[in-house]
Amino acid sequence: MAVDTLAREIGRVELPLGVLTAVIDTPVFLWLLAFGRRGWLRISGGERQLALIARALAQAPRVLVLDEPTASLDFGNQLRVLEQVRRLADEGGLAVDFSTHHPGHTFAVADSMALLHDGRLARFGPPADVLTAEMMREVYGAEVDVLPVGDAGMRMCVPRALHRRA
């Protein structure tokens, strides 16, 4: 598939070749090749989200701001988007700022986070310091346990009301 055809498939018409070359050098480009022939209306929400990230990367930003990049995505596509967000920050030299309503996402990919409550900053710092059971109770009115997962320092917020008794 020609690069200019791929650009039209992801919603960009008349995109300069130099900009497309920048997109080709991004990790997201491999996904663009996989679904470029199907057209914008026939790709999944996760594929659209990756295409939009690639579109933003084509502008060679130093900062990438994403508003709920995993909203309405299935679990697999959430993981793909989060992996790319982390990779862009680690390997792409980008500052990435994203909003989310899923505490686990910050544990998975964020170096630091801002927790907002009633339009104000409630706490800022590393996710492990910010997302505590006490803060989740204060901000969301939710009783949770913040539990370690695996050996890599991951954590997860598990609502106490949903715990199953053995």
N, C-alpha and C. Protein backbone atom coordinates (compact mmCIF):
# COMPACT_ATOMS: atom_id res chain seq x y z
N MET A 1 0.85 -1.18 0.00
CA MET A 1 0.00 0.00 0.00
C MET A 1 0.89 1.23 0.00
N ALA A 2 0.55 2.20 -0.83
CA ALA A 2 1.30 3.45 -0.88
C ALA A 2 1.08 4.24 0.40
N VAL A 3 2.10 4.97 0.80
CA VAL A 3 2.01 5.74 2.03
C VAL A 3 0.91 6.78 1.96
N ASP A 4 0.74 7.43 0.80
CA ASP A 4 -0.31 8.45 0.70
C ASP A 4 -1.70 7.83 0.80
N THR A 5 -1.86 6.59 0.33
CA THR A 5 -3.14 5.89 0.47
C THR A 5 -3.40 5.59 1.94
N LEU A 6 -2.38 5.14 2.64
CA LEU A 6 -2.51 4.88 4.07
C LEU A 6 -2.92 6.16 4.80
N ALA A 7 -2.35 7.27 4.44
CA ALA A 7 -2.69 8.54 5.09
C ALA A 7 -4.17 8.87 4.90
N ARG A 8 -4.69 8.68 3.70
CA ARG A 8 -6.11 8.94 3.47
C ARG A 8 -6.98 8.00 4.29
N GLU A 9 -6.54 6.74 4.43
CA GLU A 9 -7.31 5.77 5.19
C GLU A 9 -7.43 6.17 6.65
N ILE A 10 -6.47 6.85 7.21
CA ILE A 10 -6.57 7.25 8.62
C ILE A 10 -7.10 8.66 8.76
N GLY A 11 -7.65 9.20 7.69
CA GLY A 11 -8.33 10.47 7.79
C GLY A 11 -7.50 11.67 7.42
N ARG A 12 -6.27 11.48 6.93
CA ARG A 12 -5.41 12.60 6.56
C ARG A 12 -5.31 12.65 5.04
N VAL A 13 -5.76 13.70 4.46
CA VAL A 13 -5.64 13.89 3.03
C VAL A 13 -4.65 15.03 2.81
N GLU A 14 -3.86 14.94 1.75
CA GLU A 14 -2.88 15.97 1.43
C GLU A 14 -1.80 16.11 2.50
N LEU A 15 -1.43 15.02 3.14
CA LEU A 15 -0.38 15.05 4.15
C LEU A 15 0.98 15.01 3.45
N PRO A 16 1.88 15.95 3.75
CA PRO A 16 3.19 15.98 3.10
C PRO A 16 3.98 14.70 3.36
N LEU A 17 4.77 14.29 2.39
CA LEU A 17 5.55 13.06 2.50
C LEU A 17 6.51 13.11 3.68
N GLY A 18 7.09 14.27 3.97
CA GLY A 18 8.00 14.39 5.11
C GLY A 18 7.33 14.08 6.43
N VAL A 19 6.09 14.48 6.56
CA VAL A 19 5.33 14.19 7.78
C VAL A 19 5.03 12.70 7.85
N LEU A 20 4.67 12.11 6.72
CA LEU A 20 4.39 10.68 6.70
C LEU A 20 5.64 9.88 7.06
N THR A 21 6.80 10.34 6.63
CA THR A 21 8.04 9.66 6.98
C THR A 21 8.23 9.67 8.49
N ALA A 22 7.87 10.75 9.15
CA ALA A 22 7.97 10.81 10.61
C ALA A 22 7.05 9.78 11.25
N VAL A 23 5.86 9.60 10.69
CA VAL A 23 4.93 8.60 11.23
C VAL A 23 5.49 7.20 11.05
N ILE A 24 6.12 6.94 9.90
CA ILE A 24 6.67 5.61 9.62
C ILE A 24 7.69 5.22 10.66
N ASP A 25 8.39 6.19 11.22
CA ASP A 25 9.42 5.90 12.22
C ASP A 25 8.86 5.69 13.62
N THR A 26 7.55 5.73 13.81
CA THR A 26 6.96 5.54 15.13
C THR A 26 6.53 4.10 15.31
N PRO A 27 6.49 3.63 16.58
CA PRO A 27 6.04 2.25 16.83
C PRO A 27 4.59 2.02 16.43
N VAL A 28 3.79 3.06 16.42
CA VAL A 28 2.37 2.92 16.10
C VAL A 28 2.18 2.58 14.63
N PHE A 29 3.14 2.88 13.78
CA PHE A 29 2.99 2.69 12.34
C PHE A 29 2.67 1.24 11.97
N LEU A 30 3.23 0.29 12.69
CA LEU A 30 2.95 -1.12 12.37
C LEU A 30 1.47 -1.42 12.46
N TRP A 31 0.79 -0.81 13.42
CA TRP A 31 -0.66 -1.01 13.51
C TRP A 31 -1.37 -0.33 12.35
N LEU A 32 -0.88 0.81 11.95
CA LEU A 32 -1.50 1.50 10.82
C LEU A 32 -1.47 0.62 9.58
N LEU A 33 -0.36 -0.04 9.35
CA LEU A 33 -0.27 -0.93 8.19
C LEU A 33 -1.28 -2.07 8.29
N ALA A 34 -1.50 -2.56 9.50
CA ALA A 34 -2.39 -3.71 9.67
C ALA A 34 -3.84 -3.39 9.35
N PHE A 35 -4.28 -2.16 9.59
CA PHE A 35 -5.69 -1.89 9.35
C PHE A 35 -5.95 -0.82 8.31
N GLY A 36 -4.92 -0.32 7.66
CA GLY A 36 -5.06 0.76 6.70
C GLY A 36 -5.98 0.47 5.54
N ARG A 37 -6.09 -0.77 5.12
CA ARG A 37 -6.92 -1.11 3.95
C ARG A 37 -8.41 -1.17 4.29
N ARG A 38 -8.75 -1.26 5.56
CA ARG A 38 -10.16 -1.43 5.93
C ARG A 38 -10.94 -0.13 5.98
N GLY A 39 -10.30 0.98 6.13
CA GLY A 39 -11.02 2.24 6.19
C GLY A 39 -11.43 2.62 7.60
N TRP A 40 -11.57 3.90 7.81
CA TRP A 40 -11.82 4.46 9.14
C TRP A 40 -13.07 3.91 9.81
N LEU A 41 -14.14 3.70 9.05
CA LEU A 41 -15.39 3.25 9.65
C LEU A 41 -15.41 1.74 9.92
N ARG A 42 -14.42 1.03 9.45
CA ARG A 42 -14.39 -0.42 9.63
C ARG A 42 -13.32 -0.89 10.60
N ILE A 43 -12.65 0.04 11.26
CA ILE A 43 -11.63 -0.36 12.23
C ILE A 43 -12.19 -0.21 13.64
N SER A 44 -11.57 -0.88 14.59
CA SER A 44 -12.06 -0.85 15.96
C SER A 44 -11.71 0.47 16.64
N GLY A 45 -12.29 0.68 17.80
CA GLY A 45 -11.99 1.87 18.58
C GLY A 45 -10.53 1.95 18.97
N GLY A 46 -9.94 0.82 19.31
CA GLY A 46 -8.52 0.80 19.66
C GLY A 46 -7.64 1.16 18.48
N GLU A 47 -7.99 0.64 17.31
CA GLU A 47 -7.23 0.97 16.11
C GLU A 47 -7.38 2.45 15.77
N ARG A 48 -8.56 3.00 15.95
CA ARG A 48 -8.76 4.44 15.72
C ARG A 48 -7.91 5.25 16.68
N GLN A 49 -7.90 4.83 17.93
CA GLN A 49 -7.13 5.57 18.93
C GLN A 49 -5.65 5.56 18.57
N LEU A 50 -5.13 4.41 18.13
CA LEU A 50 -3.73 4.33 17.72
C LEU A 50 -3.47 5.19 16.49
N ALA A 51 -4.42 5.23 15.56
CA ALA A 51 -4.27 6.08 14.38
C ALA A 51 -4.23 7.55 14.79
N LEU A 52 -5.05 7.93 15.74
CA LEU A 52 -5.05 9.33 16.20
C LEU A 52 -3.75 9.67 16.92
N ILE A 53 -3.22 8.72 17.67
CA ILE A 53 -1.92 8.95 18.30
C ILE A 53 -0.84 9.12 17.23
N ALA A 54 -0.89 8.29 16.20
CA ALA A 54 0.07 8.41 15.10
C ALA A 54 -0.07 9.75 14.40
N ARG A 55 -1.29 10.20 14.24
CA ARG A 55 -1.53 11.51 13.61
C ARG A 55 -0.87 12.61 14.45
N ALA A 56 -1.03 12.53 15.75
CA ALA A 56 -0.40 13.52 16.64
C ALA A 56 1.11 13.42 16.56
N LEU A 57 1.64 12.20 16.49
CA LEU A 57 3.09 12.02 16.44
C LEU A 57 3.69 12.54 15.13
N ALA A 58 2.89 12.56 14.09
CA ALA A 58 3.37 13.06 12.80
C ALA A 58 3.78 14.52 12.88
N GLN A 59 3.29 15.22 13.88
CA GLN A 59 3.64 16.63 14.05
C GLN A 59 4.91 16.81 14.87
N ALA A 60 5.55 15.70 15.24
CA ALA A 60 6.81 15.71 16.00
C ALA A 60 6.71 16.55 17.27
N PRO A 61 5.73 16.26 18.12
CA PRO A 61 5.58 17.03 19.35
C PRO A 61 6.64 16.65 20.38
N ARG A 62 6.86 17.51 21.35
CA ARG A 62 7.69 17.18 22.51
C ARG A 62 6.81 16.75 23.67
N VAL A 63 5.55 17.18 23.62
CA VAL A 63 4.57 16.83 24.65
C VAL A 63 3.34 16.26 23.94
N LEU A 64 2.84 15.16 24.47
CA LEU A 64 1.64 14.54 23.92
C LEU A 64 0.58 14.53 25.02
N VAL A 65 -0.55 15.18 24.77
CA VAL A 65 -1.64 15.25 25.74
C VAL A 65 -2.79 14.39 25.22
N LEU A 66 -3.19 13.40 26.02
CA LEU A 66 -4.23 12.46 25.62
C LEU A 66 -5.37 12.51 26.64
N ASP A 67 -6.57 12.78 26.16
CA ASP A 67 -7.75 12.82 27.03
C ASP A 67 -8.42 11.47 27.01
N GLU A 68 -8.28 10.73 28.07
CA GLU A 68 -8.85 9.40 28.23
C GLU A 68 -8.61 8.52 26.99
N PRO A 69 -7.35 8.23 26.69
CA PRO A 69 -7.05 7.48 25.46
C PRO A 69 -7.60 6.06 25.43
N THR A 70 -8.03 5.53 26.58
CA THR A 70 -8.55 4.16 26.60
C THR A 70 -10.07 4.10 26.80
N ALA A 71 -10.72 5.25 26.78
CA ALA A 71 -12.17 5.27 26.99
C ALA A 71 -12.89 4.44 25.94
N SER A 72 -13.82 3.63 26.37
CA SER A 72 -14.67 2.79 25.51
C SER A 72 -13.91 1.73 24.72
N LEU A 73 -12.70 1.39 25.16
CA LEU A 73 -11.94 0.35 24.47
C LEU A 73 -12.05 -0.96 25.25
N ASP A 74 -11.99 -2.07 24.52
CA ASP A 74 -11.97 -3.36 25.21
C ASP A 74 -10.61 -3.53 25.89
N PHE A 75 -10.51 -4.55 26.72
CA PHE A 75 -9.33 -4.74 27.55
C PHE A 75 -8.05 -4.84 26.72
N GLY A 76 -8.08 -5.63 25.66
CA GLY A 76 -6.89 -5.80 24.82
C GLY A 76 -6.43 -4.49 24.20
N ASN A 77 -7.37 -3.70 23.69
CA ASN A 77 -7.00 -2.43 23.08
C ASN A 77 -6.56 -1.41 24.14
N GLN A 78 -7.10 -1.48 25.34
CA GLN A 78 -6.60 -0.63 26.41
C GLN A 78 -5.13 -0.91 26.66
N LEU A 79 -4.79 -2.20 26.73
CA LEU A 79 -3.40 -2.57 26.95
C LEU A 79 -2.49 -2.09 25.82
N ARG A 80 -2.94 -2.25 24.57
CA ARG A 80 -2.13 -1.81 23.43
C ARG A 80 -1.87 -0.30 23.48
N VAL A 81 -2.90 0.46 23.78
CA VAL A 81 -2.74 1.92 23.84
C VAL A 81 -1.81 2.29 25.01
N LEU A 82 -2.02 1.68 26.18
CA LEU A 82 -1.16 1.99 27.33
C LEU A 82 0.29 1.59 27.08
N GLU A 83 0.50 0.46 26.41
CA GLU A 83 1.87 0.05 26.08
C GLU A 83 2.54 1.09 25.18
N GLN A 84 1.79 1.60 24.21
CA GLN A 84 2.35 2.62 23.32
C GLN A 84 2.62 3.92 24.07
N VAL A 85 1.73 4.30 24.95
CA VAL A 85 1.93 5.52 25.74
C VAL A 85 3.23 5.39 26.54
N ARG A 86 3.42 4.26 27.20
CA ARG A 86 4.63 4.05 28.00
C ARG A 86 5.87 4.03 27.10
N ARG A 87 5.78 3.35 25.96
CA ARG A 87 6.91 3.25 25.04
C ARG A 87 7.28 4.63 24.49
N LEU A 88 6.29 5.43 24.18
CA LEU A 88 6.57 6.78 23.66
C LEU A 88 7.31 7.62 24.69
N ALA A 89 6.94 7.47 25.95
CA ALA A 89 7.63 8.22 27.00
C ALA A 89 9.04 7.68 27.21
N ASP A 90 9.20 6.36 27.21
CA ASP A 90 10.50 5.75 27.48
C ASP A 90 11.47 5.88 26.31
N GLU A 91 10.98 5.58 25.10
CA GLU A 91 11.87 5.50 23.95
C GLU A 91 11.77 6.70 23.02
N GLY A 92 10.62 7.37 23.05
CA GLY A 92 10.40 8.47 22.12
C GLY A 92 10.81 9.82 22.65
N GLY A 93 11.22 9.87 23.92
CA GLY A 93 11.64 11.14 24.49
C GLY A 93 10.51 12.14 24.65
N LEU A 94 9.28 11.66 24.67
CA LEU A 94 8.12 12.54 24.80
C LEU A 94 7.68 12.67 26.25
N ALA A 95 7.20 13.83 26.59
CA ALA A 95 6.45 13.99 27.84
C ALA A 95 5.02 13.65 27.49
N VAL A 96 4.44 12.69 28.17
CA VAL A 96 3.07 12.25 27.89
C VAL A 96 2.21 12.55 29.09
N ASP A 97 1.12 13.26 28.84
CA ASP A 97 0.15 13.60 29.88
C ASP A 97 -1.18 13.01 29.44
N PHE A 98 -1.79 12.17 30.28
CA PHE A 98 -3.09 11.61 29.90
C PHE A 98 -4.03 11.60 31.09
N SER A 99 -5.30 11.72 30.79
CA SER A 99 -6.32 11.64 31.82
C SER A 99 -6.95 10.25 31.78
N THR A 100 -7.39 9.79 32.94
CA THR A 100 -8.03 8.49 33.01
C THR A 100 -8.95 8.43 34.22
N HIS A 101 -9.93 7.57 34.14
CA HIS A 101 -10.80 7.28 35.28
C HIS A 101 -10.49 5.90 35.84
N HIS A 102 -9.39 5.30 35.39
CA HIS A 102 -9.01 3.96 35.83
C HIS A 102 -7.72 4.03 36.63
N PRO A 103 -7.80 3.90 37.95
CA PRO A 103 -6.59 4.00 38.77
C PRO A 103 -5.48 3.03 38.35
N GLY A 104 -5.86 1.85 37.90
CA GLY A 104 -4.86 0.87 37.49
C GLY A 104 -3.99 1.35 36.34
N HIS A 105 -4.52 2.20 35.49
CA HIS A 105 -3.75 2.70 34.36
C HIS A 105 -2.57 3.54 34.84
N THR A 106 -2.77 4.31 35.90
CA THR A 106 -1.65 5.11 36.39
C THR A 106 -0.58 4.23 37.00
N PHE A 107 -0.98 3.18 37.72
CA PHE A 107 0.01 2.25 38.26
C PHE A 107 0.80 1.60 37.13
N ALA A 108 0.14 1.35 36.00
CA ALA A 108 0.76 0.65 34.89
C ALA A 108 1.75 1.50 34.12
N VAL A 109 1.46 2.78 33.91
CA VAL A 109 2.31 3.54 32.99
C VAL A 109 2.82 4.89 33.49
N ALA A 110 2.27 5.42 34.58
CA ALA A 110 2.62 6.78 34.97
C ALA A 110 3.83 6.83 35.91
N ASP A 111 4.65 7.83 35.71
CA ASP A 111 5.75 8.11 36.64
C ASP A 111 5.25 8.98 37.78
N SER A 112 4.34 9.88 37.45
CA SER A 112 3.72 10.73 38.46
C SER A 112 2.28 11.00 38.02
N MET A 113 1.49 11.45 38.98
CA MET A 113 0.08 11.69 38.67
C MET A 113 -0.46 12.83 39.52
N ALA A 114 -1.52 13.42 39.02
CA ALA A 114 -2.27 14.44 39.75
C ALA A 114 -3.66 13.88 39.97
N LEU A 115 -4.09 13.84 41.22
CA LEU A 115 -5.43 13.37 41.55
C LEU A 115 -6.28 14.60 41.83
N LEU A 116 -7.34 14.77 41.04
CA LEU A 116 -8.21 15.93 41.18
C LEU A 116 -9.46 15.55 41.96
N HIS A 117 -9.96 16.51 42.74
CA HIS A 117 -11.19 16.32 43.50
C HIS A 117 -11.92 17.65 43.58
N ASP A 118 -13.16 17.67 43.12
CA ASP A 118 -13.96 18.90 43.10
C ASP A 118 -13.23 20.03 42.37
N GLY A 119 -12.58 19.68 41.26
CA GLY A 119 -11.91 20.68 40.44
C GLY A 119 -10.60 21.19 41.01
N ARG A 120 -10.11 20.58 42.05
CA ARG A 120 -8.86 21.02 42.68
C ARG A 120 -7.88 19.86 42.80
N LEU A 121 -6.62 20.21 42.89
CA LEU A 121 -5.59 19.20 43.06
C LEU A 121 -5.66 18.64 44.48
N ALA A 122 -5.96 17.35 44.59
CA ALA A 122 -6.01 16.70 45.90
C ALA A 122 -4.64 16.20 46.31
N ARG A 123 -3.88 15.69 45.33
CA ARG A 123 -2.54 15.18 45.62
C ARG A 123 -1.78 14.99 44.31
N PHE A 124 -0.46 15.16 44.40
CA PHE A 124 0.42 14.97 43.24
C PHE A 124 1.64 14.18 43.69
N GLY A 125 2.07 13.23 42.85
CA GLY A 125 3.27 12.46 43.14
C GLY A 125 3.25 11.13 42.42
N PRO A 126 4.14 10.22 42.82
CA PRO A 126 4.14 8.88 42.21
C PRO A 126 2.82 8.17 42.52
N PRO A 127 2.32 7.38 41.59
CA PRO A 127 1.04 6.69 41.81
C PRO A 127 0.98 5.92 43.14
N ALA A 128 2.07 5.27 43.52
CA ALA A 128 2.05 4.50 44.77
C ALA A 128 1.83 5.39 45.99
N ASP A 129 2.24 6.65 45.89
CA ASP A 129 2.05 7.58 47.01
C ASP A 129 0.69 8.26 46.96
N VAL A 130 0.15 8.42 45.77
CA VAL A 130 -1.10 9.16 45.60
C VAL A 130 -2.32 8.26 45.72
N LEU A 131 -2.30 7.14 45.03
CA LEU A 131 -3.46 6.24 45.01
C LEU A 131 -3.42 5.28 46.18
N THR A 132 -3.87 5.77 47.30
CA THR A 132 -3.96 4.96 48.51
C THR A 132 -5.42 4.69 48.81
N ALA A 133 -5.67 3.73 49.68
CA ALA A 133 -7.05 3.43 50.07
C ALA A 133 -7.70 4.67 50.68
N GLU A 134 -6.94 5.44 51.45
CA GLU A 134 -7.48 6.64 52.08
C GLU A 134 -7.87 7.69 51.04
N MET A 135 -7.03 7.91 50.03
CA MET A 135 -7.35 8.89 49.00
C MET A 135 -8.53 8.44 48.15
N MET A 136 -8.63 7.17 47.86
CA MET A 136 -9.77 6.67 47.08
C MET A 136 -11.07 6.87 47.86
N ARG A 137 -11.01 6.70 49.17
CA ARG A 137 -12.19 6.93 50.01
C ARG A 137 -12.54 8.41 50.01
N GLU A 138 -11.52 9.27 50.19
CA GLU A 138 -11.75 10.71 50.26
C GLU A 138 -12.28 11.27 48.94
N VAL A 139 -11.68 10.87 47.83
CA VAL A 139 -12.02 11.46 46.53
C VAL A 139 -13.25 10.81 45.91
N TYR A 140 -13.34 9.48 45.98
CA TYR A 140 -14.43 8.77 45.29
C TYR A 140 -15.49 8.22 46.23
N GLY A 141 -15.25 8.28 47.53
CA GLY A 141 -16.19 7.67 48.47
C GLY A 141 -16.22 6.17 48.32
N ALA A 142 -15.12 5.60 47.87
CA ALA A 142 -15.05 4.16 47.60
C ALA A 142 -14.11 3.48 48.58
N GLU A 143 -14.59 2.40 49.14
CA GLU A 143 -13.74 1.58 50.02
C GLU A 143 -13.01 0.58 49.15
N VAL A 144 -11.70 0.71 49.05
CA VAL A 144 -10.91 -0.18 48.21
C VAL A 144 -9.71 -0.69 48.99
N ASP A 145 -9.18 -1.78 48.50
CA ASP A 145 -7.87 -2.25 48.93
C ASP A 145 -6.93 -2.01 47.77
N VAL A 146 -5.77 -1.44 48.04
CA VAL A 146 -4.75 -1.26 47.02
C VAL A 146 -3.78 -2.42 47.20
N LEU A 147 -3.82 -3.34 46.24
CA LEU A 147 -3.10 -4.60 46.37
C LEU A 147 -1.95 -4.71 45.37
N PRO A 148 -0.84 -5.31 45.81
CA PRO A 148 0.27 -5.55 44.87
C PRO A 148 -0.12 -6.66 43.89
N VAL A 149 0.40 -6.54 42.67
CA VAL A 149 0.14 -7.53 41.63
C VAL A 149 1.49 -7.88 40.99
N GLY A 150 1.88 -9.13 41.03
CA GLY A 150 3.12 -9.56 40.40
C GLY A 150 4.35 -9.07 41.12
N ASP A 151 5.48 -9.20 40.42
CA ASP A 151 6.78 -8.87 41.01
C ASP A 151 7.33 -7.53 40.55
N ALA A 152 6.64 -6.85 39.64
CA ALA A 152 7.18 -5.63 39.05
C ALA A 152 6.74 -4.35 39.75
N GLY A 153 6.13 -4.48 40.93
CA GLY A 153 5.70 -3.29 41.65
C GLY A 153 4.35 -2.75 41.23
N MET A 154 3.63 -3.49 40.41
CA MET A 154 2.28 -3.06 40.00
C MET A 154 1.35 -3.14 41.18
N ARG A 155 0.32 -2.29 41.13
CA ARG A 155 -0.73 -2.32 42.14
C ARG A 155 -2.08 -2.23 41.45
N MET A 156 -3.10 -2.56 42.21
CA MET A 156 -4.45 -2.54 41.67
C MET A 156 -5.41 -2.12 42.78
N CYS A 157 -6.39 -1.30 42.43
CA CYS A 157 -7.44 -0.92 43.38
C CYS A 157 -8.60 -1.91 43.23
N VAL A 158 -8.92 -2.61 44.31
CA VAL A 158 -9.98 -3.59 44.29
C VAL A 158 -11.07 -3.13 45.26
N PRO A 159 -12.28 -2.85 44.76
CA PRO A 159 -13.37 -2.41 45.64
C PRO A 159 -13.70 -3.49 46.67
N ARG A 160 -13.78 -3.10 47.92
CA ARG A 160 -14.07 -4.07 48.99
C ARG A 160 -15.45 -4.68 48.83
N ALA A 161 -16.41 -3.93 48.34
CA ALA A 161 -17.77 -4.44 48.17
C ALA A 161 -17.84 -5.57 47.15
N LEU A 162 -16.84 -5.64 46.27
CA LEU A 162 -16.86 -6.67 45.23
C LEU A 162 -16.00 -7.89 45.57
N HIS A 163 -15.35 -7.88 46.73
CA HIS A 163 -14.55 -9.03 47.12
C HIS A 163 -15.46 -10.25 47.28
N ARG A 164 -15.04 -11.35 46.73
CA ARG A 164 -15.81 -12.58 46.89
C ARG A 164 -15.23 -13.35 48.08
N ARG A 165 -16.11 -13.88 48.84
CA ARG A 165 -15.70 -14.68 49.99
C ARG A 165 -15.52 -16.12 49.54
N ALA A 166 -14.44 -16.73 49.93
CA ALA A 166 -14.17 -18.11 49.53
C ALA A 166 -15.01 -19.08 50.34
